[in-house]
């Protein structure tokens, strides 16, 4: 694992531990985002569980690279789904930019891990 991929793994893990936990706890802003996206709170909680699992996988990947790559691939699929939901709803860049930027960061992490 390179220094750059380690930094990305930790950064992404922090982001998705935070977001995933907020979704699992169903804090008010997440409830609003779930409704806006057309998801039930229960479905949004499941998405949060996937985000937390991916974050844990990225951290495990610091010691077991294959786990990190698999977690990153899953997270990239999850973010691709988020982007599709935003685009289907006709959301503008302000709404879909976080999913796009995080997806690009995860893709960069995966490239760094697979090229080493």
N, C-alpha and C. Protein backbone atom coordinates (compact mmCIF):
# COMPACT_ATOMS: atom_id res chain seq x y z
N UNK A 1 0.85 -1.17 0.00
CA UNK A 1 0.00 0.00 0.00
C UNK A 1 0.89 1.23 0.00
N UNK A 2 0.61 2.15 -0.90
CA UNK A 2 1.39 3.37 -0.97
C UNK A 2 0.87 4.38 0.06
N UNK A 3 1.68 5.38 0.31
CA UNK A 3 1.26 6.44 1.24
C UNK A 3 -0.02 7.11 0.75
N UNK A 4 -0.06 7.39 -0.57
CA UNK A 4 -1.24 8.06 -1.13
C UNK A 4 -2.49 7.21 -0.96
N UNK A 5 -2.40 5.91 -1.23
CA UNK A 5 -3.60 5.07 -1.09
C UNK A 5 -3.97 4.90 0.38
N UNK A 6 -2.99 4.90 1.27
CA UNK A 6 -3.29 4.83 2.71
C UNK A 6 -4.04 6.07 3.16
N UNK A 7 -3.59 7.23 2.71
CA UNK A 7 -4.25 8.49 3.07
C UNK A 7 -5.67 8.51 2.52
N UNK A 8 -5.84 8.08 1.28
CA UNK A 8 -7.19 8.04 0.69
C UNK A 8 -8.08 7.06 1.45
N UNK A 9 -7.54 5.91 1.83
CA UNK A 9 -8.33 4.92 2.56
C UNK A 9 -8.83 5.49 3.88
N UNK A 10 -7.95 6.15 4.62
CA UNK A 10 -8.34 6.72 5.92
C UNK A 10 -9.34 7.86 5.72
N UNK A 11 -9.09 8.73 4.76
CA UNK A 11 -10.00 9.84 4.47
C UNK A 11 -11.39 9.33 4.10
N UNK A 12 -11.43 8.37 3.18
CA UNK A 12 -12.72 7.82 2.75
C UNK A 12 -13.41 7.09 3.90
N UNK A 13 -12.64 6.38 4.70
CA UNK A 13 -13.24 5.68 5.84
C UNK A 13 -13.88 6.67 6.80
N UNK A 14 -13.20 7.76 7.08
CA UNK A 14 -13.77 8.77 7.98
C UNK A 14 -15.05 9.36 7.42
N UNK A 15 -15.03 9.67 6.14
CA UNK A 15 -16.22 10.24 5.49
C UNK A 15 -17.40 9.27 5.58
N UNK A 16 -17.15 8.01 5.21
CA UNK A 16 -18.27 7.07 5.14
C UNK A 16 -18.66 6.50 6.49
N UNK A 17 -17.76 6.50 7.46
CA UNK A 17 -18.18 6.16 8.82
C UNK A 17 -19.14 7.22 9.34
N UNK A 18 -18.82 8.48 9.05
CA UNK A 18 -19.67 9.58 9.50
C UNK A 18 -21.03 9.56 8.79
N UNK A 19 -21.01 9.48 7.46
CA UNK A 19 -22.27 9.49 6.71
C UNK A 19 -23.10 8.24 6.99
N UNK A 20 -22.45 7.10 7.02
CA UNK A 20 -23.17 5.86 7.28
C UNK A 20 -23.82 5.84 8.65
N UNK A 21 -23.08 6.32 9.65
CA UNK A 21 -23.63 6.37 11.01
C UNK A 21 -24.83 7.32 11.08
N UNK A 22 -24.73 8.45 10.39
CA UNK A 22 -25.86 9.39 10.38
C UNK A 22 -27.09 8.76 9.73
N UNK A 23 -26.87 7.96 8.69
CA UNK A 23 -28.00 7.30 8.04
C UNK A 23 -28.58 6.21 8.95
N UNK A 24 -27.72 5.44 9.59
CA UNK A 24 -28.19 4.38 10.49
C UNK A 24 -29.00 4.98 11.64
N UNK A 25 -28.50 6.09 12.19
CA UNK A 25 -29.20 6.75 13.30
C UNK A 25 -30.43 7.52 12.83
N UNK A 26 -30.56 7.67 11.52
CA UNK A 26 -31.70 8.38 10.91
C UNK A 26 -31.84 9.78 11.48
N UNK A 27 -30.74 10.51 11.55
CA UNK A 27 -30.81 11.90 12.00
C UNK A 27 -31.66 12.70 10.99
N UNK A 28 -32.23 13.78 11.44
CA UNK A 28 -33.22 14.51 10.63
C UNK A 28 -32.73 14.86 9.22
N UNK A 29 -31.52 15.40 9.05
CA UNK A 29 -31.10 15.70 7.67
C UNK A 29 -31.07 14.46 6.78
N UNK A 30 -30.74 13.31 7.34
CA UNK A 30 -30.72 12.08 6.55
C UNK A 30 -32.13 11.61 6.23
N UNK A 31 -33.04 11.82 7.16
CA UNK A 31 -34.45 11.48 6.89
C UNK A 31 -34.96 12.32 5.72
N UNK A 32 -34.59 13.60 5.71
CA UNK A 32 -35.02 14.48 4.63
C UNK A 32 -34.41 14.06 3.30
N UNK A 33 -33.12 13.71 3.32
CA UNK A 33 -32.46 13.27 2.09
C UNK A 33 -33.07 11.96 1.59
N UNK A 34 -33.40 11.07 2.50
CA UNK A 34 -34.02 9.80 2.11
C UNK A 34 -35.35 10.06 1.41
N UNK A 35 -36.17 10.91 2.00
CA UNK A 35 -37.47 11.23 1.41
C UNK A 35 -37.30 11.90 0.05
N UNK A 36 -36.35 12.82 -0.03
CA UNK A 36 -36.09 13.53 -1.28
C UNK A 36 -35.66 12.57 -2.39
N UNK A 37 -34.89 11.54 -2.02
CA UNK A 37 -34.40 10.57 -3.00
C UNK A 37 -35.42 9.48 -3.30
N UNK A 38 -36.51 9.44 -2.51
CA UNK A 38 -37.53 8.44 -2.72
C UNK A 38 -37.29 7.14 -1.98
N UNK A 39 -36.47 7.18 -0.94
CA UNK A 39 -36.17 5.99 -0.13
C UNK A 39 -36.91 6.06 1.19
N UNK A 40 -37.25 4.90 1.71
CA UNK A 40 -37.78 4.84 3.08
C UNK A 40 -36.60 5.02 4.03
N UNK A 41 -36.91 5.33 5.27
CA UNK A 41 -35.85 5.46 6.28
C UNK A 41 -35.15 4.12 6.47
N UNK A 42 -35.91 3.03 6.41
CA UNK A 42 -35.31 1.70 6.57
C UNK A 42 -34.33 1.40 5.44
N UNK A 43 -34.69 1.76 4.22
CA UNK A 43 -33.78 1.55 3.09
C UNK A 43 -32.53 2.42 3.24
N UNK A 44 -32.70 3.64 3.69
CA UNK A 44 -31.56 4.53 3.88
C UNK A 44 -30.65 4.01 4.99
N UNK A 45 -31.23 3.40 6.00
CA UNK A 45 -30.42 2.78 7.06
C UNK A 45 -29.59 1.64 6.49
N UNK A 46 -30.15 0.86 5.58
CA UNK A 46 -29.39 -0.23 4.96
C UNK A 46 -28.24 0.33 4.13
N UNK A 47 -28.48 1.43 3.45
CA UNK A 47 -27.40 2.08 2.70
C UNK A 47 -26.31 2.53 3.68
N UNK A 48 -26.73 3.06 4.82
CA UNK A 48 -25.77 3.46 5.85
C UNK A 48 -24.94 2.30 6.34
N UNK A 49 -25.58 1.13 6.52
CA UNK A 49 -24.84 -0.07 6.93
C UNK A 49 -23.80 -0.46 5.89
N UNK A 50 -24.16 -0.35 4.62
CA UNK A 50 -23.20 -0.65 3.55
C UNK A 50 -22.03 0.33 3.58
N UNK A 51 -22.33 1.60 3.84
CA UNK A 51 -21.27 2.61 3.91
C UNK A 51 -20.33 2.34 5.07
N UNK A 52 -20.87 2.00 6.22
CA UNK A 52 -20.03 1.69 7.39
C UNK A 52 -19.21 0.43 7.12
N UNK A 53 -19.82 -0.58 6.52
CA UNK A 53 -19.08 -1.81 6.20
C UNK A 53 -17.93 -1.51 5.24
N UNK A 54 -18.18 -0.67 4.25
CA UNK A 54 -17.12 -0.31 3.30
C UNK A 54 -16.02 0.45 4.00
N UNK A 55 -16.38 1.35 4.90
CA UNK A 55 -15.38 2.13 5.64
C UNK A 55 -14.50 1.20 6.47
N UNK A 56 -15.12 0.25 7.16
CA UNK A 56 -14.35 -0.72 7.95
C UNK A 56 -13.44 -1.54 7.03
N UNK A 57 -13.98 -1.93 5.88
CA UNK A 57 -13.18 -2.68 4.91
C UNK A 57 -11.98 -1.90 4.41
N UNK A 58 -12.16 -0.60 4.18
CA UNK A 58 -11.03 0.24 3.75
C UNK A 58 -9.95 0.29 4.84
N UNK A 59 -10.38 0.36 6.09
CA UNK A 59 -9.40 0.38 7.18
C UNK A 59 -8.70 -0.96 7.33
N UNK A 60 -9.44 -2.04 7.18
CA UNK A 60 -8.81 -3.36 7.21
C UNK A 60 -7.82 -3.49 6.04
N UNK A 61 -8.16 -2.85 4.94
CA UNK A 61 -7.31 -2.87 3.76
C UNK A 61 -5.93 -2.27 3.98
N UNK A 62 -5.77 -1.49 5.04
CA UNK A 62 -4.45 -0.97 5.37
C UNK A 62 -3.50 -2.12 5.70
N UNK A 63 -4.06 -3.25 6.17
CA UNK A 63 -3.25 -4.40 6.56
C UNK A 63 -3.48 -5.60 5.65
N UNK A 64 -4.66 -5.68 5.05
CA UNK A 64 -5.02 -6.75 4.13
C UNK A 64 -5.53 -6.10 2.84
N UNK A 65 -4.63 -5.80 1.90
CA UNK A 65 -5.01 -5.02 0.72
C UNK A 65 -6.20 -5.56 -0.08
N UNK A 66 -6.34 -6.87 -0.16
CA UNK A 66 -7.47 -7.41 -0.93
C UNK A 66 -8.80 -6.98 -0.33
N UNK A 67 -8.90 -6.96 0.98
CA UNK A 67 -10.13 -6.52 1.65
C UNK A 67 -10.41 -5.06 1.29
N UNK A 68 -9.38 -4.22 1.30
CA UNK A 68 -9.55 -2.82 0.95
C UNK A 68 -10.03 -2.64 -0.48
N UNK A 69 -9.46 -3.42 -1.40
CA UNK A 69 -9.88 -3.33 -2.80
C UNK A 69 -11.33 -3.76 -2.96
N UNK A 70 -11.70 -4.84 -2.30
CA UNK A 70 -13.10 -5.30 -2.39
C UNK A 70 -14.06 -4.28 -1.78
N UNK A 71 -13.67 -3.70 -0.64
CA UNK A 71 -14.51 -2.67 -0.01
C UNK A 71 -14.61 -1.45 -0.92
N UNK A 72 -13.50 -1.06 -1.53
CA UNK A 72 -13.51 0.07 -2.45
C UNK A 72 -14.40 -0.19 -3.65
N UNK A 73 -14.34 -1.41 -4.19
CA UNK A 73 -15.19 -1.75 -5.34
C UNK A 73 -16.67 -1.67 -4.95
N UNK A 74 -17.00 -2.18 -3.77
CA UNK A 74 -18.38 -2.09 -3.31
C UNK A 74 -18.83 -0.66 -3.11
N UNK A 75 -17.94 0.14 -2.56
CA UNK A 75 -18.27 1.55 -2.33
C UNK A 75 -18.44 2.28 -3.66
N UNK A 76 -17.62 1.93 -4.64
CA UNK A 76 -17.75 2.55 -5.96
C UNK A 76 -19.10 2.20 -6.59
N UNK A 77 -19.55 0.97 -6.41
CA UNK A 77 -20.87 0.58 -6.91
C UNK A 77 -21.97 1.36 -6.19
N UNK A 78 -21.84 1.51 -4.89
CA UNK A 78 -22.82 2.25 -4.11
C UNK A 78 -22.89 3.71 -4.56
N UNK A 79 -21.74 4.31 -4.79
CA UNK A 79 -21.69 5.71 -5.23
C UNK A 79 -22.21 5.86 -6.65
N UNK A 80 -21.98 4.86 -7.48
CA UNK A 80 -22.54 4.89 -8.83
C UNK A 80 -24.06 4.87 -8.77
N UNK A 81 -24.60 4.07 -7.87
CA UNK A 81 -26.05 4.04 -7.68
C UNK A 81 -26.58 5.38 -7.20
N UNK A 82 -25.84 6.03 -6.29
CA UNK A 82 -26.25 7.36 -5.81
C UNK A 82 -26.27 8.37 -6.95
N UNK A 83 -25.26 8.29 -7.80
CA UNK A 83 -25.19 9.20 -8.93
C UNK A 83 -26.36 8.97 -9.89
N UNK A 84 -26.69 7.72 -10.13
CA UNK A 84 -27.83 7.40 -11.00
C UNK A 84 -29.13 7.95 -10.42
N UNK A 85 -29.32 7.79 -9.11
CA UNK A 85 -30.53 8.31 -8.47
C UNK A 85 -30.62 9.82 -8.66
N UNK A 86 -29.52 10.53 -8.43
CA UNK A 86 -29.52 11.99 -8.60
C UNK A 86 -29.82 12.39 -10.04
N UNK A 87 -29.20 11.72 -10.99
CA UNK A 87 -29.40 12.09 -12.39
C UNK A 87 -30.82 11.77 -12.85
N UNK A 88 -31.38 10.66 -12.40
CA UNK A 88 -32.76 10.33 -12.77
C UNK A 88 -33.75 11.33 -12.21
N UNK A 89 -33.43 11.88 -11.05
CA UNK A 89 -34.32 12.89 -10.45
C UNK A 89 -34.15 14.25 -11.09
N UNK A 90 -33.12 14.40 -11.92
CA UNK A 90 -32.86 15.68 -12.56
C UNK A 90 -32.15 16.66 -11.66
N UNK A 91 -31.48 16.14 -10.62
CA UNK A 91 -30.73 17.01 -9.72
C UNK A 91 -29.58 17.68 -10.46
N UNK A 92 -29.27 18.88 -10.01
CA UNK A 92 -28.15 19.61 -10.58
C UNK A 92 -26.83 19.20 -9.95
N UNK A 93 -25.74 19.78 -10.45
CA UNK A 93 -24.41 19.43 -9.96
C UNK A 93 -24.23 19.61 -8.45
N UNK A 94 -24.90 20.58 -7.87
CA UNK A 94 -24.76 20.81 -6.43
C UNK A 94 -25.21 19.59 -5.63
N UNK A 95 -26.21 18.88 -6.14
CA UNK A 95 -26.74 17.70 -5.44
C UNK A 95 -25.91 16.45 -5.69
N UNK A 96 -25.43 16.27 -6.94
CA UNK A 96 -24.71 15.03 -7.23
C UNK A 96 -23.19 15.14 -7.11
N UNK A 97 -22.68 16.34 -6.91
CA UNK A 97 -21.22 16.52 -6.80
C UNK A 97 -20.58 15.68 -5.69
N UNK A 98 -21.18 15.60 -4.48
CA UNK A 98 -20.53 14.78 -3.44
C UNK A 98 -20.35 13.32 -3.86
N UNK A 99 -21.37 12.73 -4.47
CA UNK A 99 -21.26 11.34 -4.91
C UNK A 99 -20.21 11.21 -6.00
N UNK A 100 -20.17 12.18 -6.91
CA UNK A 100 -19.20 12.15 -8.00
C UNK A 100 -17.76 12.29 -7.48
N UNK A 101 -17.55 13.25 -6.60
CA UNK A 101 -16.21 13.48 -6.05
C UNK A 101 -15.75 12.27 -5.23
N UNK A 102 -16.62 11.76 -4.37
CA UNK A 102 -16.26 10.58 -3.58
C UNK A 102 -16.00 9.38 -4.48
N UNK A 103 -16.79 9.24 -5.53
CA UNK A 103 -16.57 8.15 -6.48
C UNK A 103 -15.22 8.26 -7.16
N UNK A 104 -14.83 9.47 -7.52
CA UNK A 104 -13.52 9.67 -8.14
C UNK A 104 -12.39 9.38 -7.16
N UNK A 105 -12.59 9.74 -5.90
CA UNK A 105 -11.58 9.43 -4.87
C UNK A 105 -11.46 7.92 -4.66
N UNK A 106 -12.58 7.23 -4.63
CA UNK A 106 -12.54 5.77 -4.48
C UNK A 106 -11.87 5.14 -5.70
N UNK A 107 -12.21 5.63 -6.89
CA UNK A 107 -11.59 5.10 -8.11
C UNK A 107 -10.08 5.32 -8.09
N UNK A 108 -9.65 6.48 -7.61
CA UNK A 108 -8.22 6.76 -7.50
C UNK A 108 -7.56 5.79 -6.53
N UNK A 109 -8.21 5.55 -5.40
CA UNK A 109 -7.71 4.59 -4.41
C UNK A 109 -7.54 3.22 -5.07
N UNK A 110 -8.56 2.79 -5.80
CA UNK A 110 -8.50 1.47 -6.45
C UNK A 110 -7.38 1.39 -7.48
N UNK A 111 -7.22 2.43 -8.27
CA UNK A 111 -6.14 2.44 -9.26
C UNK A 111 -4.79 2.36 -8.57
N UNK A 112 -4.60 3.14 -7.52
CA UNK A 112 -3.33 3.11 -6.79
C UNK A 112 -3.06 1.72 -6.20
N UNK A 113 -4.10 1.10 -5.70
CA UNK A 113 -3.94 -0.23 -5.10
C UNK A 113 -3.65 -1.30 -6.16
N UNK A 114 -4.31 -1.19 -7.29
CA UNK A 114 -4.15 -2.21 -8.32
C UNK A 114 -2.87 -2.04 -9.13
N UNK A 115 -2.30 -0.85 -9.15
CA UNK A 115 -1.07 -0.60 -9.91
C UNK A 115 0.21 -0.84 -9.11
N UNK A 116 0.08 -1.06 -7.82
CA UNK A 116 1.31 -1.20 -7.02
C UNK A 116 2.00 -2.51 -7.23
